[in-house]
C-alpha atoms as a PDB file:
ATOM      1  CA  MET A   1      84.197  26.959-115.835  1.00  0.00           C
ATOM      2  CA  ARG A   2      84.475  30.408-114.108  1.00  0.00           C
ATOM      3  CA  LEU A   3      81.917  29.194-112.048  1.00  0.00           C
ATOM      4  CA  ARG A   4      83.170  25.734-111.499  1.00  0.00           C
ATOM      5  CA  ILE A   5      86.435  27.712-110.238  1.00  0.00           C
ATOM      6  CA  ILE A   6      84.322  30.256-107.736  1.00  0.00           C
ATOM      7  CA  LEU A   7      82.631  27.322-106.123  1.00  0.00           C
ATOM      8  CA  LEU A   8      86.045  25.455-105.588  1.00  0.00           C
ATOM      9  CA  LEU A   9      87.724  28.345-104.269  1.00  0.00           C
ATOM     10  CA  ALA A  10      84.328  29.182-101.732  1.00  0.00           C
ATOM     11  CA  ILE A  11      84.863  25.775-100.722  1.00  0.00           C
ATOM     12  CA  PHE A  12      88.439  25.561-100.233  1.00  0.00           C
ATOM     13  CA  LEU A  13      89.912  28.919 -98.557  1.00  0.00           C
ATOM     14  CA  PRO A  14      87.821  28.381 -95.577  1.00  0.00           C
ATOM     15  CA  ALA A  15      89.211  24.760 -94.862  1.00  0.00           C
ATOM     16  CA  LEU A  16      92.621  26.413 -95.874  1.00  0.00           C
ATOM     17  CA  ALA A  17      92.288  29.112 -93.276  1.00  0.00           C
ATOM     18  CA  CYS A  18      91.567  27.045 -90.328  1.00  0.00           C
ATOM     19  CA  TYR A  19      94.282  24.253 -91.459  1.00  0.00           C
ATOM     20  CA  SER A  20      96.732  27.066 -91.449  1.00  0.00           C
ATOM     21  CA  GLN A  21      94.832  28.346 -88.075  1.00  0.00           C
ATOM     22  CA  ASP A  22      95.449  25.202 -86.387  1.00  0.00           C
ATOM     23  CA  ILE A  23      99.472  25.336 -87.559  1.00  0.00           C
ATOM     24  CA  ASP A  24      99.733  28.259 -86.003  1.00  0.00           C
ATOM     25  CA  LYS A  25      98.332  26.672 -82.748  1.00  0.00           C
ATOM     26  CA  LEU A  26     100.432  23.694 -82.827  1.00  0.00           C
ATOM     27  CA  LEU A  27     103.646  25.799 -83.339  1.00  0.00           C
ATOM     28  CA  GLU A  28     102.715  28.354 -80.663  1.00  0.00           C
ATOM     29  CA  GLU A  29     102.558  25.676 -78.020  1.00  0.00           C
ATOM     30  CA  ALA A  30     105.442  23.846 -78.894  1.00  0.00           C
ATOM     31  CA  THR A  31     107.509  26.859 -78.902  1.00  0.00           C
ATOM     32  CA  GLY A  32     105.528  29.036 -76.189  1.00  0.00           C
ATOM     33  CA  SER A  33     103.563  32.164 -76.909  1.00  0.00           C
ATOM     34  CA  ASP A  34     105.867  33.836 -74.405  1.00  0.00           C
ATOM     35  CA  THR A  35     109.694  34.394 -74.130  1.00  0.00           C
ATOM     36  CA  GLU A  36     111.321  32.715 -70.802  1.00  0.00           C
ATOM     37  CA  TYR A  37     114.951  34.402 -70.406  1.00  0.00           C
ATOM     38  CA  THR A  38     117.637  32.769 -68.917  1.00  0.00           C
ATOM     39  CA  THR A  39     118.897  33.368 -65.731  1.00  0.00           C
ATOM     40  CA  ALA A  40     121.635  32.821 -63.850  1.00  0.00           C
ATOM     41  CA  THR A  41     124.147  32.144 -65.944  1.00  0.00           C
ATOM     42  CA  PHE A  42     126.431  32.937 -63.110  1.00  0.00           C
ATOM     43  CA  LYS A  43     126.237  33.720 -59.863  1.00  0.00           C
ATOM     44  CA  SER A  44     127.941  37.159 -60.060  1.00  0.00           C
ATOM     45  CA  THR A  45     128.920  39.850 -62.131  1.00  0.00           C
ATOM     46  CA  ARG A  46     132.781  38.289 -61.418  1.00  0.00           C
ATOM     47  CA  ILE A  47     133.833  34.855 -63.059  1.00  0.00           C
ATOM     48  CA  ILE A  48     137.386  35.080 -60.761  1.00  0.00           C
ATOM     49  CA  ASN A  49     139.347  37.915 -61.738  1.00  0.00           C
ATOM     50  CA  GLY A  50     136.930  38.898 -65.267  1.00  0.00           C
ATOM     51  CA  HIS A  51     133.572  40.179 -65.857  1.00  0.00           C
ATOM     52  CA  SER A  52     131.011  37.721 -66.590  1.00  0.00           C
ATOM     53  CA  ILE A  53     127.591  38.235 -68.653  1.00  0.00           C
ATOM     54  CA  GLU A  54     125.971  39.217 -65.280  1.00  0.00           C
ATOM     55  CA  ARG A  55     125.103  42.713 -64.777  1.00  0.00           C
ATOM     56  CA  MET A  56     122.848  44.467 -61.614  1.00  0.00           C
ATOM     57  CA  PRO A  57     119.526  44.927 -62.279  1.00  0.00           C
ATOM     58  CA  GLU A  58     117.891  48.567 -62.434  1.00  0.00           C
ATOM     59  CA  GLY A  59     118.527  50.352 -58.921  1.00  0.00           C
ATOM     60  CA  GLN A  60     120.708  47.316 -57.274  1.00  0.00           C
ATOM     61  CA  LEU A  61     124.836  48.385 -55.892  1.00  0.00           C
ATOM     62  CA  ASP A  62     126.924  45.274 -55.513  1.00  0.00           C
ATOM     63  CA  PHE A  63     129.711  46.113 -52.917  1.00  0.00           C
ATOM     64  CA  ARG A  64     132.543  44.025 -53.814  1.00  0.00           C
ATOM     65  CA  ILE A  65     136.116  43.570 -51.321  1.00  0.00           C
ATOM     66  CA  SER A  66     138.820  41.402 -53.530  1.00  0.00           C
ATOM     67  CA  HIS A  67     141.630  39.921 -51.844  1.00  0.00           C
ATOM     68  CA  ARG A  68     145.008  38.854 -52.898  1.00  0.00           C
ATOM     69  CA  PHE A  69     147.517  37.328 -50.565  1.00  0.00           C
ATOM     70  CA  GLY A  70     151.395  37.163 -51.739  1.00  0.00           C
ATOM     71  CA  GLN A  71     152.637  34.066 -53.721  1.00  0.00           C
ATOM     72  CA  PHE A  72     153.090  30.642 -52.185  1.00  0.00           C
ATOM     73  CA  ASN A  73     156.641  30.309 -53.260  1.00  0.00           C
ATOM     74  CA  SER A  74     157.472  33.363 -51.283  1.00  0.00           C
ATOM     75  CA  GLY A  75     158.566  31.305 -48.316  1.00  0.00           C
ATOM     76  CA  SER A  76     157.751  30.800 -44.670  1.00  0.00           C
ATOM     77  CA  TYR A  77     158.979  34.014 -43.417  1.00  0.00           C
ATOM     78  CA  ASN A  78     155.778  35.198 -45.421  1.00  0.00           C
ATOM     79  CA  LEU A  79     153.861  32.517 -44.179  1.00  0.00           C
ATOM     80  CA  TRP A  80     153.269  31.433 -47.881  1.00  0.00           C
ATOM     81  CA  GLY A  81     151.870  34.740 -49.296  1.00  0.00           C
ATOM     82  CA  LEU A  82     149.293  35.286 -46.489  1.00  0.00           C
ATOM     83  CA  ASP A  83     151.903  38.223 -44.976  1.00  0.00           C
ATOM     84  CA  GLN A  84     151.635  39.905 -48.179  1.00  0.00           C
ATOM     85  CA  ALA A  85     148.485  41.419 -49.737  1.00  0.00           C
ATOM     86  CA  ASN A  86     146.907  42.950 -52.297  1.00  0.00           C
ATOM     87  CA  ILE A  87     143.467  44.531 -52.210  1.00  0.00           C
ATOM     88  CA  HIS A  88     140.444  46.559 -54.510  1.00  0.00           C
ATOM     89  CA  PHE A  89     137.082  47.436 -53.233  1.00  0.00           C
ATOM     90  CA  GLY A  90     134.223  48.029 -55.945  1.00  0.00           C
ATOM     91  CA  LEU A  91     130.905  49.333 -56.460  1.00  0.00           C
ATOM     92  CA  ASP A  92     128.809  48.627 -59.404  1.00  0.00           C
ATOM     93  CA  TYR A  93     125.878  49.816 -59.805  1.00  0.00           C
ATOM     94  CA  GLY A  94     122.367  48.853 -62.626  1.00  0.00           C
ATOM     95  CA  ILE A  95     121.144  52.158 -64.198  1.00  0.00           C
ATOM     96  CA  THR A  96     118.776  49.985 -65.981  1.00  0.00           C
ATOM     97  CA  ASN A  97     118.292  46.534 -66.588  1.00  0.00           C
ATOM     98  CA  TRP A  98     120.593  46.392 -69.419  1.00  0.00           C
ATOM     99  CA  ILE A  99     123.469  48.976 -67.891  1.00  0.00           C
ATOM    100  CA  MET A 100     126.395  48.659 -65.085  1.00  0.00           C
ATOM    101  CA  VAL A 101     128.144  51.490 -64.018  1.00  0.00           C
ATOM    102  CA  GLY A 102     130.919  50.473 -62.280  1.00  0.00           C
ATOM    103  CA  ILE A 103     134.088  52.171 -59.748  1.00  0.00           C
ATOM    104  CA  GLY A 104     136.512  50.931 -58.061  1.00  0.00           C
ATOM    105  CA  ARG A 105     140.433  51.676 -56.341  1.00  0.00           C
ATOM    106  CA  GLY A 106     143.047  48.751 -56.295  1.00  0.00           C
ATOM    107  CA  THR A 107     146.620  48.177 -54.262  1.00  0.00           C
ATOM    108  CA  TYR A 108     148.236  47.160 -57.549  1.00  0.00           C
ATOM    109  CA  GLU A 109     149.421  50.153 -59.051  1.00  0.00           C
ATOM    110  CA  LYS A 110     147.291  52.221 -56.951  1.00  0.00           C
ATOM    111  CA  THR A 111     144.802  52.426 -59.662  1.00  0.00           C
ATOM    112  CA  TYR A 112     141.399  53.982 -59.882  1.00  0.00           C
ATOM    113  CA  ASP A 113     139.085  52.485 -62.439  1.00  0.00           C
ATOM    114  CA  GLY A 114     136.020  52.944 -63.560  1.00  0.00           C
ATOM    115  CA  SER A 115     133.139  50.737 -65.740  1.00  0.00           C
ATOM    116  CA  ILE A 116     130.334  50.321 -68.550  1.00  0.00           C
ATOM    117  CA  LYS A 117     128.856  46.673 -69.266  1.00  0.00           C
ATOM    118  CA  LEU A 118     126.208  47.050 -71.785  1.00  0.00           C
ATOM    119  CA  SER A 119     123.702  43.985 -72.364  1.00  0.00           C
ATOM    120  CA  ILE A 120     122.952  43.623 -76.340  1.00  0.00           C
ATOM    121  CA  LEU A 121     121.497  40.198 -76.109  1.00  0.00           C
ATOM    122  CA  ARG A 122     120.148  37.754 -73.901  1.00  0.00           C
ATOM    123  CA  GLN A 123     119.613  34.035 -73.763  1.00  0.00           C
ATOM    124  CA  SER A 124     115.927  33.076 -74.054  1.00  0.00           C
ATOM    125  CA  LYS A 125     113.492  30.309 -75.307  1.00  0.00           C
ATOM    126  CA  GLY A 126     109.824  30.111 -76.757  1.00  0.00           C
ATOM    127  CA  LYS A 127     107.899  33.355 -78.736  1.00  0.00           C
ATOM    128  CA  LYS A 128     112.055  34.302 -79.084  1.00  0.00           C
ATOM    129  CA  ASN A 129     114.639  32.261 -79.355  1.00  0.00           C
ATOM    130  CA  MET A 130     118.157  33.717 -78.690  1.00  0.00           C
ATOM    131  CA  PRO A 131     121.245  30.721 -78.202  1.00  0.00           C
ATOM    132  CA  ILE A 132     123.377  33.053 -76.445  1.00  0.00           C
ATOM    133  CA  SER A 133     123.696  35.587 -74.263  1.00  0.00           C
ATOM    134  CA  LEU A 134     125.685  39.389 -75.574  1.00  0.00           C
ATOM    135  CA  SER A 135     127.275  42.233 -73.906  1.00  0.00           C
ATOM    136  CA  TYR A 136     129.731  45.002 -74.335  1.00  0.00           C
ATOM    137  CA  PHE A 137     132.877  45.882 -71.474  1.00  0.00           C
ATOM    138  CA  THR A 138     134.648  48.707 -71.759  1.00  0.00           C
ATOM    139  CA  SER A 139     136.829  50.319 -68.590  1.00  0.00           C
ATOM    140  CA  LEU A 140     139.515  53.172 -67.813  1.00  0.00           C
ATOM    141  CA  ALA A 141     142.178  53.031 -65.396  1.00  0.00           C
ATOM    142  CA  ILE A 142     144.588  55.450 -64.318  1.00  0.00           C
ATOM    143  CA  ASN A 143     148.054  54.106 -62.546  1.00  0.00           C
ATOM    144  CA  THR A 144     149.191  56.502 -59.544  1.00  0.00           C
ATOM    145  CA  LEU A 145     152.219  55.658 -58.472  1.00  0.00           C
ATOM    146  CA  LYS A 146     154.494  58.123 -58.201  1.00  0.00           C
ATOM    147  CA  THR A 147     157.267  58.530 -60.655  1.00  0.00           C
ATOM    148  CA  ASP A 148     160.174  60.204 -61.656  1.00  0.00           C
ATOM    149  CA  LEU A 149     159.261  60.448 -65.293  1.00  0.00           C
ATOM    150  CA  PRO A 150     159.463  64.526 -66.548  1.00  0.00           C
ATOM    151  CA  LYS A 151     156.045  65.713 -68.339  1.00  0.00           C
ATOM    152  CA  LEU A 152     153.996  62.632 -67.547  1.00  0.00           C
ATOM    153  CA  TYR A 153     150.616  63.602 -68.155  1.00  0.00           C
ATOM    154  CA  PHE A 154     147.419  62.859 -66.838  1.00  0.00           C
ATOM    155  CA  TRP A 155     146.140  60.695 -69.743  1.00  0.00           C
ATOM    156  CA  ASP A 156     149.398  58.690 -70.140  1.00  0.00           C
ATOM    157  CA  ARG A 157     148.881  57.036 -66.879  1.00  0.00           C
ATOM    158  CA  ALA A 158     145.931  55.664 -69.125  1.00  0.00           C
ATOM    159  CA  SER A 159     144.628  52.211 -69.765  1.00  0.00           C
ATOM    160  CA  TYR A 160     141.241  50.995 -71.706  1.00  0.00           C
ATOM    161  CA  VAL A 161     139.947  47.580 -72.043  1.00  0.00           C
ATOM    162  CA  HIS A 162     137.246  46.557 -74.668  1.00  0.00           C
ATOM    163  CA  GLN A 163     135.764  43.121 -74.815  1.00  0.00           C
ATOM    164  CA  LEU A 164     132.664  41.346 -75.806  1.00  0.00           C
ATOM    165  CA  LEU A 165     131.038  38.770 -73.598  1.00  0.00           C
ATOM    166  CA  ILE A 166     129.927  35.694 -75.088  1.00  0.00           C
ATOM    167  CA  ALA A 167     128.115  33.651 -72.650  1.00  0.00           C
ATOM    168  CA  ARG A 168     126.027  30.252 -72.675  1.00  0.00           C
ATOM    169  CA  LYS A 169     124.385  28.465 -70.243  1.00  0.00           C
ATOM    170  CA  PHE A 170     124.090  24.994 -71.283  1.00  0.00           C
ATOM    171  CA  ASN A 171     121.570  23.722 -68.685  1.00  0.00           C
ATOM    172  CA  GLU A 172     121.134  24.130 -65.089  1.00  0.00           C
ATOM    173  CA  ARG A 173     124.938  23.515 -63.718  1.00  0.00           C
ATOM    174  CA  PHE A 174     126.851  24.147 -66.628  1.00  0.00           C
ATOM    175  CA  SER A 175     127.621  27.657 -68.318  1.00  0.00           C
ATOM    176  CA  LEU A 176     130.679  28.720 -70.733  1.00  0.00           C
ATOM    177  CA  GLU A 177     131.603  32.300 -71.560  1.00  0.00           C
ATOM    178  CA  ILE A 178     133.946  33.453 -74.317  1.00  0.00           C
ATOM    179  CA  ASN A 179     135.360  36.748 -73.920  1.00  0.00           C
ATOM    180  CA  PRO A 180     137.630  38.454 -77.033  1.00  0.00           C
ATOM    181  CA  THR A 181     139.256  41.376 -75.308  1.00  0.00           C
ATOM    182  CA  TYR A 182     141.460  43.923 -77.073  1.00  0.00           C
ATOM    183  CA  VAL A 183     143.431  46.393 -73.822  1.00  0.00           C
ATOM    184  CA  HIS A 184     145.616  49.593 -74.567  1.00  0.00           C
ATOM    185  CA  ARG A 185     148.169  51.424 -72.818  1.00  0.00           C
ATOM    186  CA  ASN A 186     148.953  54.976 -73.317  1.00  0.00           C
ATOM    187  CA  MET A 187     152.099  54.234 -71.663  1.00  0.00           C
ATOM    188  CA  VAL A 188     154.588  51.045 -71.330  1.00  0.00           C
ATOM    189  CA  GLY A 189     157.530  50.190 -69.190  1.00  0.00           C
ATOM    190  CA  ASN A 190     160.102  50.147 -72.015  1.00  0.00           C
ATOM    191  CA  GLU A 191     159.766  50.378 -75.856  1.00  0.00           C
ATOM    192  CA  MET A 192     159.502  46.619 -76.331  1.00  0.00           C
ATOM    193  CA  ASP A 193     156.283  46.509 -74.421  1.00  0.00           C
ATOM    194  CA  PRO A 194     153.224  46.706 -76.707  1.00  0.00           C
ATOM    195  CA  ASN A 195     150.745  49.205 -76.405  1.00  0.00           C
ATOM    196  CA  ASP A 196     147.906  47.098 -77.860  1.00  0.00           C
ATOM    197  CA  VAL A 197     147.464  43.739 -75.995  1.00  0.00           C
ATOM    198  CA  TRP A 198     144.297  41.144 -77.886  1.00  0.00           C
ATOM    199  CA  SER A 199     143.486  38.205 -75.627  1.00  0.00           C
ATOM    200  CA  VAL A 200     140.993  35.532 -76.120  1.00  0.00           C
ATOM    201  CA  GLY A 201     139.396  34.767 -72.583  1.00  0.00           C
ATOM    202  CA  THR A 202     137.182  31.492 -71.197  1.00  0.00           C
ATOM    203  CA  GLY A 203     135.565  31.340 -68.479  1.00  0.00           C
ATOM    204  CA  ALA A 204     133.439  28.084 -66.902  1.00  0.00           C
ATOM    205  CA  ARG A 205     130.408  27.572 -63.878  1.00  0.00           C
ATOM    206  CA  PHE A 206     129.457  24.219 -63.066  1.00  0.00           C
ATOM    207  CA  LYS A 207     127.062  24.065 -60.316  1.00  0.00           C
ATOM    208  CA  LEU A 208     127.926  21.519 -57.605  1.00  0.00           C
ATOM    209  CA  THR A 209     124.966  22.376 -55.319  1.00  0.00           C
ATOM    210  CA  SER A 210     122.217  25.332 -54.665  1.00  0.00           C
ATOM    211  CA  ARG A 211     124.302  27.548 -53.182  1.00  0.00           C
ATOM    212  CA  ILE A 212     128.230  25.844 -54.313  1.00  0.00           C
ATOM    213  CA  SER A 213     129.887  25.876 -57.794  1.00  0.00           C
ATOM    214  CA  ILE A 214     132.843  25.702 -58.973  1.00  0.00           C
ATOM    215  CA  ASN A 215     134.372  28.326 -61.089  1.00  0.00           C
ATOM    216  CA  ALA A 216     138.181  28.147 -63.718  1.00  0.00           C
ATOM    217  CA  GLU A 217     138.644  31.093 -66.373  1.00  0.00           C
ATOM    218  CA  TYR A 218     141.723  31.549 -68.685  1.00  0.00           C
ATOM    219  CA  TYR A 219     143.156  34.183 -70.845  1.00  0.00           C
ATOM    220  CA  TYR A 220     145.209  33.121 -74.059  1.00  0.00           C
ATOM    221  CA  VAL A 221     147.359  36.837 -75.554  1.00  0.00           C
ATOM    222  CA  ILE A 222     147.348  37.166 -79.537  1.00  0.00           C
ATOM    223  CA  PRO A 223     150.200  36.607 -80.582  1.00  0.00           C
ATOM    224  CA  PRO A 224     152.445  35.666 -76.782  1.00  0.00           C
ATOM    225  CA  ILE A 225     153.057  39.006 -75.377  1.00  0.00           C
ATOM    226  CA  ASN A 226     157.049  37.756 -74.522  1.00  0.00           C
ATOM    227  CA  ASP A 227     157.301  37.638 -78.242  1.00  0.00           C
ATOM    228  CA  PHE A 228     157.758  42.165 -77.433  1.00  0.00           C
ATOM    229  CA  ARG A 229     159.424  42.914 -74.188  1.00  0.00           C
ATOM    230  CA  THR A 230     161.989  41.573 -72.004  1.00  0.00           C
ATOM    231  CA  SER A 231     160.205  41.009 -68.573  1.00  0.00           C
ATOM    232  CA  LYS A 232     159.093  37.585 -68.868  1.00  0.00           C
ATOM    233  CA  THR A 233     154.820  37.085 -68.909  1.00  0.00           C
ATOM    234  CA  TYR A 234     152.192  34.645 -68.811  1.00  0.00           C
ATOM    235  CA  ASN A 235     148.843  34.054 -69.282  1.00  0.00           C
ATOM    236  CA  PRO A 236     146.608  34.148 -66.289  1.00  0.00           C
ATOM    237  CA  LEU A 237     144.566  31.146 -64.808  1.00  0.00           C
ATOM    238  CA  ALA A 238     142.344  31.212 -62.061  1.00  0.00           C
ATOM    239  CA  ILE A 239     140.135  28.201 -60.150  1.00  0.00           C
ATOM    240  CA  GLY A 240     137.717  29.135 -57.677  1.00  0.00           C
ATOM    241  CA  PHE A 241     134.668  28.113 -55.559  1.00  0.00           C
ATOM    242  CA  ASP A 242     131.362  30.300 -55.802  1.00  0.00           C
ATOM    243  CA  LEU A 243     129.570  30.141 -51.686  1.00  0.00           C
ATOM    244  CA  GLU A 244     126.277  31.826 -51.767  1.00  0.00           C
ATOM    245  CA  THR A 245     124.878  32.938 -48.749  1.00  0.00           C
ATOM    246  CA  GLY A 246     121.371  35.423 -48.582  1.00  0.00           C
ATOM    247  CA  GLY A 247     122.608  38.772 -49.422  1.00  0.00           C
ATOM    248  CA  HIS A 248     126.836  37.799 -49.592  1.00  0.00           C
ATOM    249  CA  VAL A 249     128.662  35.660 -52.559  1.00  0.00           C
ATOM    250  CA  PHE A 250     131.913  34.673 -51.133  1.00  0.00           C
ATOM    251  CA  GLN A 251     134.167  33.430 -53.649  1.00  0.00           C
ATOM    252  CA  ILE A 252     137.526  31.825 -53.112  1.00  0.00           C
ATOM    253  CA  MET A 253     140.006  31.088 -55.716  1.00  0.00           C
ATOM    254  CA  LEU A 254     144.313  30.005 -56.483  1.00  0.00           C
ATOM    255  CA  THR A 255     145.409  32.199 -59.147  1.00  0.00           C
ATOM    256  CA  ASN A 256     148.704  33.265 -60.860  1.00  0.00           C
ATOM    257  CA  SER A 257     147.249  36.921 -61.461  1.00  0.00           C
ATOM    258  CA  LEU A 258     147.763  39.298 -58.525  1.00  0.00           C
ATOM    259  CA  ALA A 259     146.047  42.496 -60.349  1.00  0.00           C
ATOM    260  CA  MET A 260     142.112  42.027 -60.070  1.00  0.00           C
ATOM    261  CA  ILE A 261     141.163  44.274 -62.728  1.00  0.00           C
ATOM    262  CA  GLU A 262     141.484  43.317 -66.806  1.00  0.00           C
ATOM    263  CA  LYS A 263     144.536  45.790 -67.358  1.00  0.00           C
ATOM    264  CA  GLY A 264     146.650  44.594 -65.090  1.00  0.00           C
ATOM    265  CA  PHE A 265     145.947  40.629 -65.167  1.00  0.00           C
ATOM    266  CA  ILE A 266     145.455  40.604 -69.281  1.00  0.00           C
ATOM    267  CA  GLY A 267     149.618  40.952 -70.152  1.00  0.00           C
ATOM    268  CA  GLU A 268     150.950  42.002 -66.670  1.00  0.00           C
ATOM    269  CA  THR A 269     150.709  38.599 -65.166  1.00  0.00           C
ATOM    270  CA  THR A 270     154.260  37.661 -64.494  1.00  0.00           C
ATOM    271  CA  SER A 271     154.418  34.254 -62.327  1.00  0.00           C
ATOM    272  CA  LYS A 272     153.023  30.926 -63.027  1.00  0.00           C
ATOM    273  CA  TRP A 273     151.450  28.117 -61.522  1.00  0.00           C
ATOM    274  CA  ASN A 274     154.168  25.448 -62.208  1.00  0.00           C
ATOM    275  CA  ASP A 275     156.185  27.347 -60.216  1.00  0.00           C
ATOM    276  CA  ALA A 276     154.217  27.917 -57.564  1.00  0.00           C
ATOM    277  CA  GLY A 277     154.070  31.207 -58.384  1.00  0.00           C
ATOM    278  CA  ILE A 278     150.547  30.754 -57.073  1.00  0.00           C
ATOM    279  CA  HIS A 279     148.141  33.433 -55.030  1.00  0.00           C
ATOM    280  CA  LEU A 280     145.193  32.622 -52.520  1.00  0.00           C
ATOM    281  CA  GLY A 281     142.300  35.242 -52.947  1.00  0.00           C
ATOM    282  CA  PHE A 282     138.733  35.537 -52.044  1.00  0.00           C
ATOM    283  CA  ASN A 283     135.665  37.868 -53.711  1.00  0.00           C
ATOM    284  CA  ILE A 284     133.351  39.011 -51.174  1.00  0.00           C
ATOM    285  CA  SER A 285     130.271  40.805 -53.008  1.00  0.00           C
ATOM    286  CA  ARG A 286     127.816  42.214 -50.970  1.00  0.00           C
ATOM    287  CA  VAL A 287     124.090  43.666 -52.817  1.00  0.00           C
ATOM    288  CA  PHE A 288     122.340  46.323 -51.672  1.00  0.00           C
ATOM    289  CA  GLY A 289     118.921  47.469 -52.720  1.00  0.00           C
ATOM    290  CA  LEU A 290     118.950  51.448 -53.569  1.00  0.00           C
ATOM    291  CA  LYS A 291     115.460  51.848 -55.515  1.00  0.00           C
ATOM    292  CA  ARG A 292     112.691  50.174 -55.454  1.00  0.00           C
ATOM    293  CA  ALA A 293     111.444  47.323 -57.509  1.00  0.00           C
ATOM    294  CA  LYS A 294     108.542  48.548 -59.820  1.00  0.00           C
END
């Protein structure tokens, strides 16, 4: 009896092993033996005002000029906002392919800002399947406006942002991003203003041609910030186009937010779309290679 069992095992085990190898080969062919990472979920490191999932590759420097004109409802005397300007200059650098750092200076509250973006997950298919891309973004902003307030220390002027960037490129044309966001201000305008602001942002990109896409972005403050303050604020909404021209990415947009950093446009937007409180604006991005590719 034992001899029969041994003979049966000797016959069938090699066959089962071969069958298993064939199954593994078929699965490998179906899923792919290599990992293919998704690229160009968005065309720039910004969707419009807020950050996208994208970051600068290692050794690449992005010089960005952002400009917002005044509100349309400012009238003909101000040429419907064109006489007024709000500007932000920024530099973003890829330390590695997974870590990007940035610095900037804007006319809004004469703010200096610094940021770090860390890539945690990358959307991929093949050997490693990952349905989304995930990054962590944090920034520090310092308000340098002159003030008559006594005993105002440096850190009283600081604001912090912590944000998760969760994105998916559904196909070659459409990408979507969701951004849970926390903003903390060390000092606020009055006791009715909250120091902590929570919001959820969403941004989308639809590719029209190989070089042109339409983008939209919206941040909802949770709970509505007007429940806690006297001055009226609104959720920021922006719609625009990306135009790629060689090493430049030109973005033109309409937005009800004057500020171009998270601390400003989340919780401090004081104009609204249905009252023509809209700003025409643009971003210009130019990338420089400071390090040879390996």
